[in-house]
Each structure stands twice: as structure tokens, then as C-alpha cells.
Protein backbone atom coordinates (compact mmCIF):
# COMPACT_ATOMS: atom_id res chain seq x y z
CA MET A 1 -39.26 -40.05 -64.56
CA SER A 2 -36.29 -41.64 -62.79
CA ALA A 3 -34.50 -41.99 -66.13
CA ILE A 4 -34.94 -38.26 -66.79
CA MET A 5 -33.55 -37.39 -63.34
CA LEU A 6 -30.60 -39.73 -63.92
CA ALA A 7 -29.86 -38.06 -67.25
CA ALA A 8 -30.07 -34.60 -65.68
CA THR A 9 -27.72 -35.67 -62.90
CA LEU A 10 -25.27 -37.03 -65.47
CA ILE A 11 -25.40 -33.76 -67.45
CA VAL A 12 -24.78 -31.68 -64.32
CA GLY A 13 -21.86 -33.93 -63.44
CA LEU A 14 -20.34 -33.50 -66.88
CA ILE A 15 -20.75 -29.72 -66.66
CA SER A 16 -19.07 -29.72 -63.25
CA LEU A 17 -16.25 -31.83 -64.62
CA ALA A 18 -15.82 -29.47 -67.57
CA SER A 19 -15.75 -26.42 -65.37
CA ALA A 20 -12.67 -27.79 -63.59
CA TYR A 21 -10.50 -27.34 -66.70
CA ILE A 22 -9.79 -24.61 -69.25
CA VAL A 23 -10.65 -27.12 -72.01
CA GLU A 24 -12.98 -30.06 -71.34
CA PRO A 25 -11.32 -33.50 -71.60
CA PRO A 26 -12.89 -35.65 -74.34
CA THR A 27 -12.94 -38.72 -72.07
CA THR A 28 -12.33 -39.55 -68.43
CA ALA A 29 -9.40 -37.71 -66.82
CA ALA A 30 -7.74 -38.43 -63.48
CA ALA A 31 -9.00 -36.26 -60.62
CA ASP A 32 -5.53 -34.89 -59.85
CA THR A 33 -4.93 -33.59 -63.39
CA ILE A 34 -4.05 -29.87 -63.41
CA GLN A 35 -7.10 -27.61 -63.67
CA ASP A 36 -5.60 -25.18 -66.19
CA CYS A 37 -5.16 -27.91 -68.83
CA SER A 38 -5.81 -26.63 -72.35
CA ALA A 39 -5.11 -29.72 -74.54
CA TRP A 40 -5.65 -33.46 -74.13
CA TYR A 41 -4.41 -36.78 -75.50
CA VAL A 42 -6.59 -39.91 -75.45
CA VAL A 43 -4.63 -43.15 -74.98
CA ALA A 44 -5.36 -45.66 -77.75
CA GLY A 45 -3.26 -48.47 -76.31
CA GLY A 46 0.38 -49.41 -76.63
CA GLU A 47 1.75 -45.92 -75.95
CA SER A 48 4.28 -44.99 -73.29
CA CYS A 49 4.82 -41.74 -71.42
CA ALA A 50 8.01 -41.21 -73.40
CA SER A 51 6.31 -41.72 -76.77
CA ILE A 52 3.41 -39.41 -75.86
CA ALA A 53 5.80 -36.71 -74.66
CA ALA A 54 7.89 -36.99 -77.84
CA ASP A 55 4.83 -36.89 -80.12
CA GLN A 56 3.45 -33.83 -78.34
CA PHE A 57 6.81 -31.99 -78.12
CA ILE A 58 6.89 -31.91 -74.33
CA THR A 59 9.14 -33.58 -71.78
CA VAL A 60 8.23 -36.56 -69.63
CA ASP A 61 8.65 -34.32 -66.57
CA GLN A 62 6.04 -31.94 -68.00
CA LEU A 63 3.69 -34.83 -68.74
CA ASN A 64 4.05 -36.07 -65.16
CA ALA A 65 3.55 -32.55 -63.79
CA TYR A 66 0.33 -32.11 -65.80
CA ASN A 67 -0.83 -35.61 -64.83
CA PRO A 68 0.39 -36.51 -61.32
CA SER A 69 -1.26 -39.93 -61.62
CA LEU A 70 1.50 -40.90 -64.08
CA SER A 71 4.43 -39.96 -61.83
CA SER A 72 4.55 -43.42 -60.25
CA GLY A 73 5.38 -45.86 -63.04
CA CYS A 74 3.50 -44.22 -65.97
CA LYS A 75 0.39 -46.37 -65.63
CA LEU A 76 -1.62 -45.28 -68.68
CA VAL A 77 -5.29 -46.26 -68.89
CA THR A 78 -6.52 -46.98 -72.42
CA GLY A 79 -9.32 -44.61 -73.38
CA ASN A 80 -8.52 -42.04 -70.67
CA SER A 81 -7.57 -38.43 -71.42
CA TYR A 82 -4.22 -37.05 -70.33
CA CYS A 83 -3.20 -33.38 -70.27
CA ILE A 84 -0.47 -32.37 -72.74
CA GLU A 85 -0.62 -28.55 -72.49
CA GLN A 86 -0.97 -26.08 -69.62
CA ASN A 87 -2.69 -22.70 -69.99
CA PHE A 88 -2.42 -22.72 -73.82
CA GLY A 89 1.36 -22.71 -73.49
CA PHE A 90 1.51 -19.31 -71.79
CA PRO A 91 3.56 -18.83 -68.60
CA VAL A 92 1.63 -19.60 -65.44
CA THR A 93 1.65 -16.52 -63.20
CA THR A 94 -0.34 -17.95 -60.32
CA LEU A 95 2.38 -20.37 -59.21
CA PRO A 96 5.00 -19.18 -56.70
CA PRO A 97 8.40 -18.41 -58.30
CA THR A 98 11.18 -20.92 -57.93
CA THR A 99 13.82 -19.71 -55.49
CA LYS A 100 17.46 -20.13 -56.45
CA PRO A 101 20.42 -20.34 -54.08
CA THR A 102 22.70 -17.35 -54.45
CA SER A 103 25.91 -16.03 -52.92
CA THR A 104 24.63 -12.47 -53.28
CA PRO A 105 23.41 -10.90 -50.03
CA PRO A 106 19.57 -10.71 -49.72
CA PRO A 107 17.70 -7.56 -50.93
CA LYS A 108 17.33 -4.58 -48.66
CA THR A 109 13.70 -3.79 -49.39
CA THR A 110 12.17 -5.20 -46.20
CA PRO A 111 12.98 -3.34 -42.98
CA ALA A 112 13.80 -5.42 -39.95
CA PRO A 113 11.60 -5.28 -36.85
CA THR A 114 12.35 -2.43 -34.49
CA PRO A 115 14.73 -3.78 -31.80
CA THR A 116 14.59 -3.03 -28.11
CA ASN A 117 16.73 0.11 -28.52
CA GLY A 118 13.88 1.72 -30.49
CA ILE A 119 15.95 2.10 -33.69
CA ALA A 120 14.75 0.21 -36.78
CA THR A 121 17.57 -1.86 -38.27
CA PRO A 122 17.48 -2.01 -42.10
CA LYS A 123 18.14 -5.15 -44.10
CA PRO A 124 20.36 -6.80 -45.12
CA ILE A 125 23.08 -6.68 -42.49
CA GLN A 126 26.05 -8.93 -41.78
CA THR A 127 25.98 -11.16 -38.73
CA GLY A 128 27.16 -9.93 -35.36
CA MET A 129 26.34 -6.23 -35.72
CA VAL A 130 25.94 -4.56 -32.32
CA SER A 131 22.34 -4.33 -31.12
CA SER A 132 22.79 -0.75 -29.88
CA CYS A 133 23.46 0.70 -33.35
CA ASP A 134 21.57 3.93 -34.08
CA GLU A 135 23.06 4.93 -37.47
CA PHE A 136 23.62 2.79 -40.55
CA TYR A 137 25.42 3.02 -43.89
CA LEU A 138 24.71 1.02 -47.06
CA VAL A 139 28.01 -0.28 -48.43
CA VAL A 140 28.60 0.26 -52.16
CA LYS A 141 31.10 -1.37 -54.49
CA ASP A 142 34.74 -0.35 -53.94
CA ASP A 143 34.05 0.97 -50.41
CA THR A 144 36.73 0.28 -47.80
CA CYS A 145 36.47 0.17 -44.04
CA TYR A 146 38.87 3.11 -43.85
CA ASP A 147 36.71 5.22 -46.19
CA ILE A 148 33.55 4.49 -44.21
CA ALA A 149 35.23 5.16 -40.86
CA GLU A 150 36.70 8.41 -42.18
CA LYS A 151 33.35 9.52 -43.63
CA TYR A 152 31.59 9.10 -40.28
CA SER A 153 34.54 10.31 -38.19
CA ILE A 154 35.00 7.10 -36.26
CA SER A 155 38.10 4.99 -35.74
CA LEU A 156 38.73 1.70 -37.51
CA ASP A 157 38.76 -0.07 -34.14
CA GLN A 158 35.24 1.22 -33.46
CA PHE A 159 34.04 0.21 -36.93
CA TYR A 160 35.48 -3.30 -36.54
CA ALA A 161 34.00 -3.63 -33.03
CA TRP A 162 30.51 -2.64 -34.22
CA ASN A 163 30.71 -4.78 -37.38
CA PRO A 164 32.80 -7.86 -36.48
CA ALA A 165 31.73 -9.81 -39.58
CA VAL A 166 33.84 -7.58 -41.86
CA GLY A 167 37.00 -9.03 -40.28
CA THR A 168 40.02 -7.32 -38.78
CA THR A 169 41.49 -6.49 -42.21
CA CYS A 170 38.23 -5.48 -43.94
CA GLY A 171 38.43 -8.59 -46.12
CA LYS A 172 34.74 -9.46 -45.69
CA LEU A 173 33.02 -6.13 -46.28
CA TRP A 174 30.00 -6.90 -48.48
CA PRO A 175 28.46 -4.38 -50.91
CA GLU A 176 24.67 -3.87 -50.65
CA ASN A 177 24.75 -4.60 -46.91
CA TYR A 178 24.20 -2.13 -44.09
CA VAL A 179 26.95 -1.54 -41.53
CA CYS A 180 26.84 0.27 -38.20
CA VAL A 181 28.52 3.68 -38.08
CA SER A 182 27.28 4.90 -34.68
CA ILE A 183 25.88 3.44 -31.47
CA ILE A 184 23.64 4.79 -28.75
CA GLY A 185 25.66 6.98 -26.40
CA PHE A 186 28.33 7.74 -29.00
CA PRO A 187 28.99 11.50 -29.46
CA VAL A 188 26.48 13.17 -31.78
CA SER A 189 27.43 14.16 -35.31
CA SER A 190 28.43 17.73 -34.38
CA SER A 191 31.19 16.47 -32.10
CA LYS A 192 32.19 13.56 -34.33
CA THR A 193 33.55 15.87 -36.99
CA THR A 194 36.34 17.02 -34.70
CA LEU A 195 37.79 13.55 -34.15
CA ILE A 196 39.61 13.27 -37.48
CA THR A 197 40.89 16.32 -39.31
CA THR A 198 43.75 14.91 -41.38
CA GLN A 199 42.98 13.37 -44.77
CA LYS A 200 43.99 9.81 -45.59
CA PRO A 201 47.65 9.68 -46.66
CA GLN A 202 48.04 9.98 -50.43
CA SER A 203 50.82 8.78 -52.69
CA SER A 204 53.56 11.40 -53.12
CA SER A 205 57.32 11.78 -53.31
CA PHE A 206 57.44 12.18 -49.52
CA VAL A 207 59.02 9.11 -47.91
CA ILE A 208 57.58 8.30 -44.49
CA PRO A 209 60.31 7.38 -42.00
CA PRO A 210 60.16 3.71 -41.02
CA THR A 211 59.72 4.65 -37.36
CA CYS A 212 56.49 6.52 -38.12
CA ARG A 213 52.92 5.37 -38.72
CA PHE A 214 49.59 7.06 -39.37
CA ASN A 215 47.42 7.13 -36.23
CA LEU A 216 43.80 7.13 -37.42
CA SER A 217 42.30 8.11 -34.07
CA LYS A 218 44.61 11.15 -33.81
CA GLY A 219 44.55 12.01 -37.51
CA GLN A 220 48.33 12.39 -37.68
CA TYR A 221 51.62 10.51 -37.92
CA THR A 222 53.30 9.33 -34.75
CA CYS A 223 56.94 8.22 -34.65
CA ASP A 224 58.92 6.02 -32.31
CA PRO A 225 61.95 7.68 -30.63
CA SER A 226 65.13 7.29 -32.65
CA PRO A 227 68.69 7.77 -31.35
CA THR A 228 69.75 9.38 -34.65
CA LYS A 229 68.24 11.64 -37.28
CA THR A 230 68.57 9.11 -40.06
CA THR A 231 65.40 7.42 -41.34
CA LYS A 232 67.08 4.04 -41.73
CA PRO A 233 68.47 1.99 -38.85
CA THR A 234 72.18 1.20 -38.99
CA THR A 235 72.32 -2.55 -39.37
CA THR A 236 73.63 -5.01 -41.91
CA THR A 237 73.48 -3.96 -45.57
CA THR A 238 71.92 -6.56 -47.90
CA GLY A 239 72.74 -7.23 -51.55
CA ASN A 240 70.47 -4.44 -52.79
CA GLY A 241 72.50 -1.82 -50.91
CA ILE A 242 69.62 -0.97 -48.52
CA VAL A 243 70.14 -1.36 -44.77
CA THR A 244 67.74 -3.97 -43.39
CA PRO A 245 66.72 -3.45 -39.75
CA THR A 246 66.23 -6.28 -37.28
CA PRO A 247 64.37 -8.18 -36.09
CA ILE A 248 62.34 -9.26 -39.14
CA GLN A 249 60.06 -12.23 -39.75
CA SER A 250 61.26 -15.07 -41.96
CA GLY A 251 60.66 -14.93 -45.68
CA MET A 252 60.79 -11.15 -46.17
CA VAL A 253 61.79 -10.27 -49.75
CA SER A 254 65.49 -9.52 -50.18
CA ASN A 255 64.95 -6.47 -52.38
CA CYS A 256 62.97 -4.44 -49.81
CA LYS A 257 63.70 -0.70 -49.79
CA LYS A 258 61.28 0.60 -47.15
CA PHE A 259 60.53 -0.81 -43.71
CA TYR A 260 58.04 -0.28 -40.92
CA LYS A 261 58.26 -1.38 -37.28
CA VAL A 262 55.02 -3.03 -36.16
CA VAL A 263 53.48 -1.80 -32.91
CA SER A 264 50.86 -3.43 -30.74
CA GLY A 265 47.39 -3.09 -32.21
CA ASP A 266 48.56 -2.78 -35.83
CA GLY A 267 46.85 -4.73 -38.61
CA CYS A 268 48.04 -5.66 -42.09
CA TRP A 269 45.29 -3.66 -43.77
CA ALA A 270 46.01 -0.57 -41.66
CA ILE A 271 49.73 -0.71 -42.44
CA SER A 272 49.10 -1.24 -46.17
CA ASN A 273 46.56 1.56 -46.27
CA SER A 274 48.81 4.00 -44.39
CA TYR A 275 51.64 3.46 -46.88
CA ASN A 276 49.38 3.33 -49.95
CA ILE A 277 50.27 -0.21 -50.98
CA GLN A 278 48.07 -3.15 -51.91
CA LEU A 279 47.32 -5.66 -49.16
CA ASN A 280 48.27 -8.52 -51.52
CA ASP A 281 51.67 -6.89 -52.11
CA PHE A 282 52.18 -6.54 -48.35
CA TYR A 283 51.48 -10.26 -47.92
CA LYS A 284 53.80 -11.11 -50.84
CA TRP A 285 56.66 -9.07 -49.39
CA ASN A 286 56.05 -10.39 -45.85
CA PRO A 287 54.68 -13.96 -46.26
CA ALA A 288 55.15 -14.84 -42.59
CA VAL A 289 52.53 -12.30 -41.45
CA ASN A 290 49.74 -14.13 -43.28
CA THR A 291 50.38 -17.52 -41.71
CA GLY A 292 46.95 -18.94 -40.94
CA GLY A 293 45.23 -16.28 -43.05
CA GLU A 294 43.91 -12.80 -42.29
CA CYS A 295 47.17 -11.36 -40.90
CA LYS A 296 47.32 -13.81 -38.00
CA GLY A 297 51.13 -14.02 -38.15
CA LEU A 298 51.82 -10.29 -37.71
CA GLN A 299 54.11 -9.70 -34.70
CA ALA A 300 54.65 -6.48 -32.75
CA THR A 301 58.14 -4.88 -32.50
CA VAL A 302 59.20 -6.63 -35.73
CA TRP A 303 60.12 -4.83 -38.97
CA VAL A 304 58.07 -5.49 -42.10
CA CYS A 305 58.63 -4.51 -45.73
CA ILE A 306 56.44 -1.70 -47.11
CA GLY A 307 58.19 -1.00 -50.42
CA VAL A 308 60.45 -2.66 -52.96
């Protein structure tokens, strides 16, 4: 009777062991072998992990992953079964996906918790956005800070203050990120539309006098007082026949034809945008202004080149 009970216990144990795998191992298998094993190899003696992996067209890393007991020194036990296939070779969908580092901003599908101002902030956003923001805009490719500010009838200074991570020259504006375009207490949309009425300056044959600049907050050009009606100051004439005003910063190109006098609060991007030139060209024509990067060398009351 005891022999019968022992046999029954052994059978139940084998059934339990078999139920732990997709395919039952033909001999003893280590307890930590993966449960979704679908093919086995029985060690005859003299094999190595490398030879088994090569014979079964898998890698040693796969063999170790299927059989964690082998990961420390490949200690094969003669007569034991080792897994050589997972889930019949089909992709395993139950395992969590492997995350990869990326320079792309995170997806915007998950909304952020509602902050203390009662306005839900969407994701993703760049660091440093004001906590009192109550209106957001999702940046798309080729957007500029000027375009966004103009669209929402705010000044560039306000946009930069609410979104400091974009930089003072808009060099770090990221597509697929939300930016703040209004804060609590800011005038409502009906009054915002009256702040800017003049379109962004476009390229044309009209030459803007060097004493003038486009004032975004006023939506118009403002000009410094000039003692004469001429648009070029009367100073020394350079080799290209164009009068170069002073003072200028060192390194300005010698073939400059158009000049602008910097005023307090100006930025390289704003000057370039007002005169419809590329920021890289502005830096090339005026290398001293970019000393230290991001327009840190720009000086007020100094003339810069805006056209060659």
C-alpha cells in the first residue's frame, strides 16, 4: 500500500513539474529555468555552453537567459535538461519592453497632475515653465518664438519669461513640447488681440534706416533721433565705399552695407528677425557678439552689421 502511495505521489510530482513548462523536460531541469520553455537539450557529457548554443543556433546569452543556473560559470550537469527555445520561437509579449535612451522629448499622451492654480498642465513641457500658466501651445517643427508670440498676441519678453528654457534667442525651442502662452491675471483673449496689429516685417526693396528697429510690443518701427535726414551716419568710408558708423565691435566684416545701432534690451535673434536675416549670418558678420555663446557679447549703443 505504501508503495502505491509513493508511486502516486511521484506521478503527481511529475505532472506538477510538467505543468510548469510549455513542453515537459525529458529529464531533470533546474528550478529557475524559464517556464515558457518549448524545447530541451539533454547534456551527454563533454559539452560546453558555447558548443550547445552553436549546435542549437542560439547565442550563449540566450542559453543563459533560458537557464539562469548556467550564468555563473556554465556548470552543466550530465543528464540534466536545459532549455534551448522560448515560446516556440515566437516573440514574448508578457515581458516589459526594453526602454531605450533617446534625445527626443517624452510623449505628450499623459496629462500632468493639476497644479495648485487649478489648471492642468499637459506633457511634455520644458523645465522652468511658470507655475501660473493657464494657456498652452504645442510647438511644431519650424515654429519660432516670434511666430508663437505673434499668434497669441504677447511680447517676446513675456514668452521668454514664461518659458525660460527656450533661451533668450529661441535657440532651445523644442518641437512636440508645450509652451506657456498666457498666465493667470494676463488680459483675456479679447483684449490680447489689440496688443499687436502690425505683421512681422517681410523682405522687400524697402531699406530700413539703421537708426530704426521693429518694436514688437508696439507693433511698429521706432527710430533714434538723427541730426540729418540721411540714413547713413557720416563717418569714415571703408574700402567697399559704404560709410561705417562708430563705435563697432571688433571683427565686423569689412564688406558690410547695412548697419543697426543696438539699444538696451535687444537680442541677436530679435535683430536678425526684424531685418529678415539668418541668425547664423548675423553671428558671422558680427563675431564679437557671440563671445561665450548665445549672444552674450552683444553691447548696447554699438553698431552691428545687418547686411552685406
